[in-house]
């Protein structure tokens, strides 16, 4: 993956959210033994994990549809299947360092779609401190 100097904090936040969403969507292969009595996706009543996975896959699909196809596929390969950028370039016949740029563009678009910016702004960033705390209930004899 790209070094930390190449990606800004909002890129890392977007990547973490995407990784979590991919995990919820249960798209990655399992490498451990399962001990549940009923297989996931059995379709029976109360199949909560399968419903959560379906909802997460729908959210993931909606999110990735906002990105260019190559960006979406690189993001899935890197954050879902943990492929390295060099292997992605080799598989696709891309020039060196091109996957790094596509990754950055994809994370930029993803961060933009999720409302993540380079600087953090709260909902009331324009209000002064006095205005924010004027409706506070007095405590301890203020």
Foldseek 3Di string as FASTA:
>chain_A
DDDPVLDAPLLVVLLVVLLVLLVLLVPADDDDDDDDPDDQPPPDPPSVSNVSNVVSVVVLVVLLVQDPPLLSVLSCCCSPVVDDQVVVCVVVVHDPPPSVVSPRVSSVSSSVVVVHDNDDDDPPNVDDPCVVCVPPDDPPND
